[in-house]
Amino acid sequence: MTLIKLFLPHRKLSETKSTSYETYKDFLDGGSRRVSVKDGAKPVSDIVRANECQFNYGDSQIDDGITILQSCGELEGAWACIALNTESD
C-alpha cells in the first residue's frame, strides 16, 4: 500500500486501489491505470516503478556504504588521519 500511495498519482485515497482487486498487492501486480488523457492504460507496477526511480536513485550506493561501515567497525580516529594536526591547533 505504501508504494502505491507514494508513487501512483491520485487525488483521493479511494483511487489508490480498484475495487475489483482484493489486496493492494494484487492491484500493484495486475492492475492498470490511465495516467493522462493522451496515453492509454498502463500497468500500475510500471507507473509505480517509473516514479520510484525518480526519487530512489542512490539506494544501492547507500546500502553499499552502510555495509562497508558495518564491516570496518567504528572509526573513532578517522578525523585524525584526514587532518593530522587539527586537534593540537
PDB file of N, CA and C in Angstrom:
ATOM      1  N   MET A   1       0.818  -1.193   0.000  1.00  0.00           N
ATOM      2  CA  MET A   1       0.000   0.000   0.000  1.00  0.00           C
ATOM      3  C   MET A   1       0.864   1.261   0.000  1.00  0.00           C
ATOM      4  N   THR A   2       1.983   1.203   0.707  1.00  0.00           N
ATOM      5  CA  THR A   2       2.843   2.375   0.814  1.00  0.00           C
ATOM      6  C   THR A   2       3.407   2.785  -0.541  1.00  0.00           C
ATOM      7  N   LEU A   3       3.883   1.815  -1.319  1.00  0.00           N
ATOM      8  CA  LEU A   3       4.428   2.143  -2.647  1.00  0.00           C
ATOM      9  C   LEU A   3       3.366   2.793  -3.524  1.00  0.00           C
ATOM     10  N   ILE A   4       2.171   2.264  -3.481  1.00  0.00           N
ATOM     11  CA  ILE A   4       1.087   2.819  -4.302  1.00  0.00           C
ATOM     12  C   ILE A   4       0.746   4.224  -3.845  1.00  0.00           C
ATOM     13  N   LYS A   5       0.657   4.437  -2.537  1.00  0.00           N
ATOM     14  CA  LYS A   5       0.318   5.774  -2.031  1.00  0.00           C
ATOM     15  C   LYS A   5       1.404   6.788  -2.367  1.00  0.00           C
ATOM     16  N   LEU A   6       2.657   6.352  -2.365  1.00  0.00           N
ATOM     17  CA  LEU A   6       3.750   7.278  -2.650  1.00  0.00           C
ATOM     18  C   LEU A   6       3.938   7.556  -4.136  1.00  0.00           C
ATOM     19  N   PHE A   7       3.821   6.537  -4.973  1.00  0.00           N
ATOM     20  CA  PHE A   7       4.271   6.671  -6.350  1.00  0.00           C
ATOM     21  C   PHE A   7       3.186   6.522  -7.414  1.00  0.00           C
ATOM     22  N   LEU A   8       1.950   6.315  -7.042  1.00  0.00           N
ATOM     23  CA  LEU A   8       0.865   6.274  -8.022  1.00  0.00           C
ATOM     24  C   LEU A   8       0.070   7.568  -7.899  1.00  0.00           C
ATOM     25  N   PRO A   9      -0.003   8.361  -8.947  1.00  0.00           N
ATOM     26  CA  PRO A   9      -0.735   9.628  -8.860  1.00  0.00           C
ATOM     27  C   PRO A   9      -2.200   9.384  -8.484  1.00  0.00           C
ATOM     28  N   HIS A  10      -2.672  10.110  -7.464  1.00  0.00           N
ATOM     29  CA  HIS A  10      -4.068  10.013  -7.041  1.00  0.00           C
ATOM     30  C   HIS A  10      -4.469  11.291  -6.318  1.00  0.00           C
ATOM     31  N   ARG A  11      -5.764  11.561  -6.295  1.00  0.00           N
ATOM     32  CA  ARG A  11      -6.289  12.734  -5.590  1.00  0.00           C
ATOM     33  C   ARG A  11      -6.992  12.340  -4.305  1.00  0.00           C
ATOM     34  N   LYS A  12      -7.600  11.160  -4.321  1.00  0.00           N
ATOM     35  CA  LYS A  12      -8.307  10.657  -3.138  1.00  0.00           C
ATOM     36  C   LYS A  12      -7.762   9.276  -2.808  1.00  0.00           C
ATOM     37  N   LEU A  13      -7.836   8.906  -1.540  1.00  0.00           N
ATOM     38  CA  LEU A  13      -7.361   7.600  -1.112  1.00  0.00           C
ATOM     39  C   LEU A  13      -8.118   6.477  -1.801  1.00  0.00           C
ATOM     40  N   SER A  14      -9.361   6.708  -2.148  1.00  0.00           N
ATOM     41  CA  SER A  14     -10.156   5.675  -2.814  1.00  0.00           C
ATOM     42  C   SER A  14      -9.636   5.356  -4.221  1.00  0.00           C
ATOM     43  N   GLU A  15      -8.804   6.214  -4.785  1.00  0.00           N
ATOM     44  CA  GLU A  15      -8.240   5.988  -6.114  1.00  0.00           C
ATOM     45  C   GLU A  15      -6.969   5.134  -6.072  1.00  0.00           C
ATOM     46  N   THR A  16      -6.501   4.772  -4.879  1.00  0.00           N
ATOM     47  CA  THR A  16      -5.261   4.017  -4.781  1.00  0.00           C
ATOM     48  C   THR A  16      -5.441   2.530  -5.034  1.00  0.00           C
ATOM     49  N   LYS A  17      -6.686   2.029  -5.045  1.00  0.00           N
ATOM     50  CA  LYS A  17      -6.927   0.620  -5.344  1.00  0.00           C
ATOM     51  C   LYS A  17      -8.284   0.464  -5.997  1.00  0.00           C
ATOM     52  N   SER A  18      -8.298  -0.285  -7.069  1.00  0.00           N
ATOM     53  CA  SER A  18      -9.548  -0.580  -7.749  1.00  0.00           C
ATOM     54  C   SER A  18     -10.351  -1.566  -6.901  1.00  0.00           C
ATOM     55  N   THR A  19     -11.646  -1.429  -6.904  1.00  0.00           N
ATOM     56  CA  THR A  19     -12.493  -2.314  -6.099  1.00  0.00           C
ATOM     57  C   THR A  19     -12.514  -3.745  -6.632  1.00  0.00           C
ATOM     58  N   SER A  20     -12.084  -3.960  -7.864  1.00  0.00           N
ATOM     59  CA  SER A  20     -12.078  -5.304  -8.423  1.00  0.00           C
ATOM     60  C   SER A  20     -10.893  -6.137  -7.938  1.00  0.00           C
ATOM     61  N   TYR A  21      -9.980  -5.535  -7.186  1.00  0.00           N
ATOM     62  CA  TYR A  21      -8.837  -6.254  -6.622  1.00  0.00           C
ATOM     63  C   TYR A  21      -8.996  -6.351  -5.120  1.00  0.00           C
ATOM     64  N   GLU A  22      -8.704  -7.540  -4.596  1.00  0.00           N
ATOM     65  CA  GLU A  22      -8.900  -7.774  -3.168  1.00  0.00           C
ATOM     66  C   GLU A  22      -7.842  -7.080  -2.313  1.00  0.00           C
ATOM     67  N   THR A  23      -6.582  -7.126  -2.759  1.00  0.00           N
ATOM     68  CA  THR A  23      -5.498  -6.517  -1.982  1.00  0.00           C
ATOM     69  C   THR A  23      -4.741  -5.494  -2.824  1.00  0.00           C
ATOM     70  N   TYR A  24      -3.970  -4.671  -2.133  1.00  0.00           N
ATOM     71  CA  TYR A  24      -3.144  -3.690  -2.832  1.00  0.00           C
ATOM     72  C   TYR A  24      -2.057  -4.378  -3.652  1.00  0.00           C
ATOM     73  N   LYS A  25      -1.531  -5.493  -3.148  1.00  0.00           N
ATOM     74  CA  LYS A  25      -0.510  -6.226  -3.894  1.00  0.00           C
ATOM     75  C   LYS A  25      -1.078  -6.752  -5.208  1.00  0.00           C
ATOM     76  N   ASP A  26      -2.293  -7.273  -5.165  1.00  0.00           N
ATOM     77  CA  ASP A  26      -2.936  -7.739  -6.398  1.00  0.00           C
ATOM     78  C   ASP A  26      -3.112  -6.591  -7.385  1.00  0.00           C
ATOM     79  N   PHE A  27      -3.498  -5.430  -6.874  1.00  0.00           N
ATOM     80  CA  PHE A  27      -3.671  -4.253  -7.725  1.00  0.00           C
ATOM     81  C   PHE A  27      -2.338  -3.805  -8.309  1.00  0.00           C
ATOM     82  N   LEU A  28      -1.278  -3.836  -7.492  1.00  0.00           N
ATOM     83  CA  LEU A  28       0.050  -3.451  -7.967  1.00  0.00           C
ATOM     84  C   LEU A  28       0.540  -4.414  -9.044  1.00  0.00           C
ATOM     85  N   ASP A  29       0.316  -5.704  -8.839  1.00  0.00           N
ATOM     86  CA  ASP A  29       0.813  -6.712  -9.778  1.00  0.00           C
ATOM     87  C   ASP A  29      -0.014  -6.812 -11.058  1.00  0.00           C
ATOM     88  N   GLY A  30      -1.337  -6.658 -10.960  1.00  0.00           N
ATOM     89  CA  GLY A  30      -2.166  -6.907 -12.129  1.00  0.00           C
ATOM     90  C   GLY A  30      -3.031  -5.767 -12.608  1.00  0.00           C
ATOM     91  N   GLY A  31      -3.059  -4.675 -11.879  1.00  0.00           N
ATOM     92  CA  GLY A  31      -3.936  -3.564 -12.236  1.00  0.00           C
ATOM     93  C   GLY A  31      -3.360  -2.670 -13.307  1.00  0.00           C
ATOM     94  N   SER A  32      -4.226  -1.864 -13.884  1.00  0.00           N
ATOM     95  CA  SER A  32      -3.776  -0.871 -14.859  1.00  0.00           C
ATOM     96  C   SER A  32      -4.496   0.439 -14.574  1.00  0.00           C
ATOM     97  N   ARG A  33      -3.858   1.516 -14.988  1.00  0.00           N
ATOM     98  CA  ARG A  33      -4.390   2.841 -14.686  1.00  0.00           C
ATOM     99  C   ARG A  33      -4.056   3.760 -15.836  1.00  0.00           C
ATOM    100  N   ARG A  34      -4.953   4.627 -16.162  1.00  0.00           N
ATOM    101  CA  ARG A  34      -4.722   5.653 -17.180  1.00  0.00           C
ATOM    102  C   ARG A  34      -4.191   6.886 -16.461  1.00  0.00           C
ATOM    103  N   VAL A  35      -2.981   7.297 -16.818  1.00  0.00           N
ATOM    104  CA  VAL A  35      -2.334   8.414 -16.132  1.00  0.00           C
ATOM    105  C   VAL A  35      -2.682   9.744 -16.778  1.00  0.00           C
ATOM    106  N   SER A  36      -2.728   9.772 -18.098  1.00  0.00           N
ATOM    107  CA  SER A  36      -3.064  11.016 -18.787  1.00  0.00           C
ATOM    108  C   SER A  36      -4.094  10.742 -19.875  1.00  0.00           C
ATOM    109  N   VAL A  37      -4.693  11.799 -20.358  1.00  0.00           N
ATOM    110  CA  VAL A  37      -5.714  11.673 -21.394  1.00  0.00           C
ATOM    111  C   VAL A  37      -5.105  11.158 -22.691  1.00  0.00           C
ATOM    112  N   LYS A  38      -3.872  11.565 -22.993  1.00  0.00           N
ATOM    113  CA  LYS A  38      -3.210  11.180 -24.239  1.00  0.00           C
ATOM    114  C   LYS A  38      -2.837   9.694 -24.257  1.00  0.00           C
ATOM    115  N   ASP A  39      -2.386   9.182 -23.124  1.00  0.00           N
ATOM    116  CA  ASP A  39      -1.901   7.808 -23.059  1.00  0.00           C
ATOM    117  C   ASP A  39      -3.028   6.840 -22.728  1.00  0.00           C
ATOM    118  N   GLY A  40      -2.835   5.600 -23.124  1.00  0.00           N
ATOM    119  CA  GLY A  40      -3.767   4.551 -22.755  1.00  0.00           C
ATOM    120  C   GLY A  40      -3.456   4.054 -21.351  1.00  0.00           C
ATOM    121  N   ALA A  41      -4.139   3.015 -20.948  1.00  0.00           N
ATOM    122  CA  ALA A  41      -3.914   2.446 -19.622  1.00  0.00           C
ATOM    123  C   ALA A  41      -2.553   1.764 -19.571  1.00  0.00           C
ATOM    124  N   LYS A  42      -1.838   1.974 -18.477  1.00  0.00           N
ATOM    125  CA  LYS A  42      -0.534   1.359 -18.259  1.00  0.00           C
ATOM    126  C   LYS A  42      -0.618   0.480 -17.020  1.00  0.00           C
ATOM    127  N   PRO A  43       0.203  -0.561 -16.940  1.00  0.00           N
ATOM    128  CA  PRO A  43       0.225  -1.369 -15.716  1.00  0.00           C
ATOM    129  C   PRO A  43       0.628  -0.525 -14.511  1.00  0.00           C
ATOM    130  N   VAL A  44      -0.049  -0.733 -13.401  1.00  0.00           N
ATOM    131  CA  VAL A  44       0.224   0.031 -12.183  1.00  0.00           C
ATOM    132  C   VAL A  44       1.672  -0.184 -11.748  1.00  0.00           C
ATOM    133  N   SER A  45       2.167  -1.404 -11.875  1.00  0.00           N
ATOM    134  CA  SER A  45       3.545  -1.674 -11.458  1.00  0.00           C
ATOM    135  C   SER A  45       4.548  -0.849 -12.270  1.00  0.00           C
ATOM    136  N   ASP A  46       4.294  -0.660 -13.560  1.00  0.00           N
ATOM    137  CA  ASP A  46       5.191   0.159 -14.389  1.00  0.00           C
ATOM    138  C   ASP A  46       5.163   1.624 -13.961  1.00  0.00           C
ATOM    139  N   ILE A  47       3.984   2.129 -13.658  1.00  0.00           N
ATOM    140  CA  ILE A  47       3.844   3.528 -13.221  1.00  0.00           C
ATOM    141  C   ILE A  47       4.573   3.738 -11.895  1.00  0.00           C
ATOM    142  N   VAL A  48       4.358   2.815 -10.956  1.00  0.00           N
ATOM    143  CA  VAL A  48       4.977   2.929  -9.640  1.00  0.00           C
ATOM    144  C   VAL A  48       6.494   2.839  -9.755  1.00  0.00           C
ATOM    145  N   ARG A  49       7.018   1.885 -10.519  1.00  0.00           N
ATOM    146  CA  ARG A  49       8.467   1.721 -10.661  1.00  0.00           C
ATOM    147  C   ARG A  49       9.100   2.936 -11.348  1.00  0.00           C
ATOM    148  N   ALA A  50       8.450   3.469 -12.359  1.00  0.00           N
ATOM    149  CA  ALA A  50       8.994   4.641 -13.055  1.00  0.00           C
ATOM    150  C   ALA A  50       9.060   5.847 -12.120  1.00  0.00           C
ATOM    151  N   ASN A  51       8.010   6.068 -11.338  1.00  0.00           N
ATOM    152  CA  ASN A  51       8.010   7.193 -10.405  1.00  0.00           C
ATOM    153  C   ASN A  51       8.975   6.961  -9.251  1.00  0.00           C
ATOM    154  N   GLU A  52       9.111   5.713  -8.822  1.00  0.00           N
ATOM    155  CA  GLU A  52      10.031   5.383  -7.734  1.00  0.00           C
ATOM    156  C   GLU A  52      11.478   5.649  -8.152  1.00  0.00           C
ATOM    157  N   CYS A  53      11.814   5.375  -9.390  1.00  0.00           N
ATOM    158  CA  CYS A  53      13.182   5.594  -9.883  1.00  0.00           C
ATOM    159  C   CYS A  53      13.581   7.066  -9.855  1.00  0.00           C
ATOM    160  N   GLN A  54      12.633   7.953  -9.951  1.00  0.00           N
ATOM    161  CA  GLN A  54      12.942   9.387  -9.916  1.00  0.00           C
ATOM    162  C   GLN A  54      13.447   9.814  -8.545  1.00  0.00           C
ATOM    163  N   PHE A  55      13.052   9.101  -7.494  1.00  0.00           N
ATOM    164  CA  PHE A  55      13.399   9.514  -6.137  1.00  0.00           C
ATOM    165  C   PHE A  55      14.376   8.581  -5.444  1.00  0.00           C
ATOM    166  N   ASN A  56      14.435   7.319  -5.814  1.00  0.00           N
ATOM    167  CA  ASN A  56      15.299   6.345  -5.150  1.00  0.00           C
ATOM    168  C   ASN A  56      16.474   5.953  -6.036  1.00  0.00           C
ATOM    169  N   TYR A  57      17.185   6.919  -6.532  1.00  0.00           N
ATOM    170  CA  TYR A  57      18.265   6.635  -7.470  1.00  0.00           C
ATOM    171  C   TYR A  57      19.558   6.229  -6.799  1.00  0.00           C
ATOM    172  N   GLY A  58      19.747   6.452  -5.519  1.00  0.00           N
ATOM    173  CA  GLY A  58      21.008   6.132  -4.870  1.00  0.00           C
ATOM    174  C   GLY A  58      20.917   5.056  -3.819  1.00  0.00           C
ATOM    175  N   ASP A  59      19.866   4.284  -3.813  1.00  0.00           N
ATOM    176  CA  ASP A  59      19.676   3.286  -2.766  1.00  0.00           C
ATOM    177  C   ASP A  59      20.810   2.272  -2.701  1.00  0.00           C
ATOM    178  N   SER A  60      21.246   1.773  -3.839  1.00  0.00           N
ATOM    179  CA  SER A  60      22.291   0.750  -3.831  1.00  0.00           C
ATOM    180  C   SER A  60      23.607   1.327  -3.308  1.00  0.00           C
ATOM    181  N   GLN A  61      23.895   2.571  -3.618  1.00  0.00           N
ATOM    182  CA  GLN A  61      25.118   3.191  -3.119  1.00  0.00           C
ATOM    183  C   GLN A  61      25.052   3.384  -1.607  1.00  0.00           C
ATOM    184  N   ILE A  62      23.902   3.756  -1.102  1.00  0.00           N
ATOM    185  CA  ILE A  62      23.729   3.925   0.343  1.00  0.00           C
ATOM    186  C   ILE A  62      23.872   2.581   1.041  1.00  0.00           C
ATOM    187  N   ASP A  63      23.233   1.547   0.481  1.00  0.00           N
ATOM    188  CA  ASP A  63      23.341   0.210   1.064  1.00  0.00           C
ATOM    189  C   ASP A  63      24.782  -0.279   1.068  1.00  0.00           C
ATOM    190  N   ASP A  64      25.511  -0.027  -0.019  1.00  0.00           N
ATOM    191  CA  ASP A  64      26.920  -0.418  -0.083  1.00  0.00           C
ATOM    192  C   ASP A  64      27.742   0.315   0.981  1.00  0.00           C
ATOM    193  N   GLY A  65      27.471   1.597   1.159  1.00  0.00           N
ATOM    194  CA  GLY A  65      28.186   2.382   2.165  1.00  0.00           C
ATOM    195  C   GLY A  65      27.919   1.896   3.577  1.00  0.00           C
ATOM    196  N   ILE A  66      26.681   1.540   3.860  1.00  0.00           N
ATOM    197  CA  ILE A  66      26.322   1.014   5.187  1.00  0.00           C
ATOM    198  C   ILE A  66      27.031  -0.313   5.423  1.00  0.00           C
ATOM    199  N   THR A  67      27.071  -1.158   4.403  1.00  0.00           N
ATOM    200  CA  THR A  67      27.752  -2.450   4.528  1.00  0.00           C
ATOM    201  C   THR A  67      29.233  -2.266   4.815  1.00  0.00           C
ATOM    202  N   ILE A  68      29.877  -1.341   4.108  1.00  0.00           N
ATOM    203  CA  ILE A  68      31.298  -1.068   4.332  1.00  0.00           C
ATOM    204  C   ILE A  68      31.525  -0.527   5.738  1.00  0.00           C
ATOM    205  N   LEU A  69      30.687   0.382   6.167  1.00  0.00           N
ATOM    206  CA  LEU A  69      30.812   0.961   7.505  1.00  0.00           C
ATOM    207  C   LEU A  69      30.655  -0.100   8.580  1.00  0.00           C
ATOM    208  N   GLN A  70      29.691  -0.992   8.407  1.00  0.00           N
ATOM    209  CA  GLN A  70      29.470  -2.049   9.395  1.00  0.00           C
ATOM    210  C   GLN A  70      30.625  -3.045   9.418  1.00  0.00           C
ATOM    211  N   SER A  71      31.232  -3.312   8.278  1.00  0.00           N
ATOM    212  CA  SER A  71      32.335  -4.273   8.238  1.00  0.00           C
ATOM    213  C   SER A  71      33.621  -3.686   8.829  1.00  0.00           C
ATOM    214  N   CYS A  72      33.792  -2.369   8.780  1.00  0.00           N
ATOM    215  CA  CYS A  72      35.000  -1.729   9.308  1.00  0.00           C
ATOM    216  C   CYS A  72      34.926  -1.477  10.809  1.00  0.00           C
ATOM    217  N   GLY A  73      33.750  -1.416  11.356  1.00  0.00           N
ATOM    218  CA  GLY A  73      33.606  -1.072  12.761  1.00  0.00           C
ATOM    219  C   GLY A  73      33.633   0.441  12.931  1.00  0.00           C
ATOM    220  N   GLU A  74      33.692   0.865  14.201  1.00  0.00           N
ATOM    221  CA  GLU A  74      33.696   2.305  14.473  1.00  0.00           C
ATOM    222  C   GLU A  74      35.049   2.901  14.120  1.00  0.00           C
ATOM    223  N   LEU A  75      35.019   4.072  13.564  1.00  0.00           N
ATOM    224  CA  LEU A  75      36.234   4.759  13.138  1.00  0.00           C
ATOM    225  C   LEU A  75      36.446   6.003  14.000  1.00  0.00           C
ATOM    226  N   GLU A  76      36.806   5.782  15.260  1.00  0.00           N
ATOM    227  CA  GLU A  76      36.948   6.915  16.188  1.00  0.00           C
ATOM    228  C   GLU A  76      38.080   7.853  15.789  1.00  0.00           C
ATOM    229  N   GLY A  77      39.162   7.320  15.279  1.00  0.00           N
ATOM    230  CA  GLY A  77      40.312   8.149  14.936  1.00  0.00           C
ATOM    231  C   GLY A  77      40.374   8.532  13.472  1.00  0.00           C
ATOM    232  N   ALA A  78      39.274   8.428  12.755  1.00  0.00           N
ATOM    233  CA  ALA A  78      39.291   8.691  11.315  1.00  0.00           C
ATOM    234  C   ALA A  78      39.645  10.139  11.007  1.00  0.00           C
ATOM    235  N   TRP A  79      39.142  11.093  11.795  1.00  0.00           N
ATOM    236  CA  TRP A  79      39.431  12.500  11.525  1.00  0.00           C
ATOM    237  C   TRP A  79      40.908  12.808  11.744  1.00  0.00           C
ATOM    238  N   ALA A  80      41.541  12.095  12.622  1.00  0.00           N
ATOM    239  CA  ALA A  80      42.971  12.309  12.859  1.00  0.00           C
ATOM    240  C   ALA A  80      43.793  11.930  11.623  1.00  0.00           C
ATOM    241  N   CYS A  81      43.325  10.965  10.862  1.00  0.00           N
ATOM    242  CA  CYS A  81      44.027  10.575   9.634  1.00  0.00           C
ATOM    243  C   CYS A  81      43.823  11.598   8.525  1.00  0.00           C
ATOM    244  N   ILE A  82      42.681  12.257   8.532  1.00  0.00           N
ATOM    245  CA  ILE A  82      42.374  13.226   7.476  1.00  0.00           C
ATOM    246  C   ILE A  82      43.090  14.546   7.730  1.00  0.00           C
ATOM    247  N   ALA A  83      42.978  15.044   8.940  1.00  0.00           N
ATOM    248  CA  ALA A  83      43.611  16.316   9.299  1.00  0.00           C
ATOM    249  C   ALA A  83      44.505  16.064  10.496  1.00  0.00           C
ATOM    250  N   LEU A  84      45.765  15.779  10.247  1.00  0.00           N
ATOM    251  CA  LEU A  84      46.681  15.285  11.269  1.00  0.00           C
ATOM    252  C   LEU A  84      46.857  16.223  12.466  1.00  0.00           C
ATOM    253  N   ASN A  85      47.080  17.483  12.250  1.00  0.00           N
ATOM    254  CA  ASN A  85      47.398  18.386  13.350  1.00  0.00           C
ATOM    255  C   ASN A  85      46.226  19.257  13.783  1.00  0.00           C
ATOM    256  N   THR A  86      45.021  18.912  13.434  1.00  0.00           N
ATOM    257  CA  THR A  86      43.862  19.744  13.753  1.00  0.00           C
ATOM    258  C   THR A  86      43.592  19.773  15.260  1.00  0.00           C
ATOM    259  N   GLU A  87      43.737  18.632  15.934  1.00  0.00           N
ATOM    260  CA  GLU A  87      43.442  18.595  17.367  1.00  0.00           C
ATOM    261  C   GLU A  87      44.419  19.437  18.160  1.00  0.00           C
ATOM    262  N   SER A  88      45.655  19.493  17.757  1.00  0.00           N
ATOM    263  CA  SER A  88      46.624  20.289  18.504  1.00  0.00           C
ATOM    264  C   SER A  88      46.393  21.790  18.314  1.00  0.00           C
ATOM    265  N   ASP A  89      45.801  22.177  17.207  1.00  0.00           N
ATOM    266  CA  ASP A  89      45.523  23.599  16.965  1.00  0.00           C
ATOM    267  C   ASP A  89      44.359  24.018  17.808  1.00  0.00           C
TER     268      ASP A  89
END
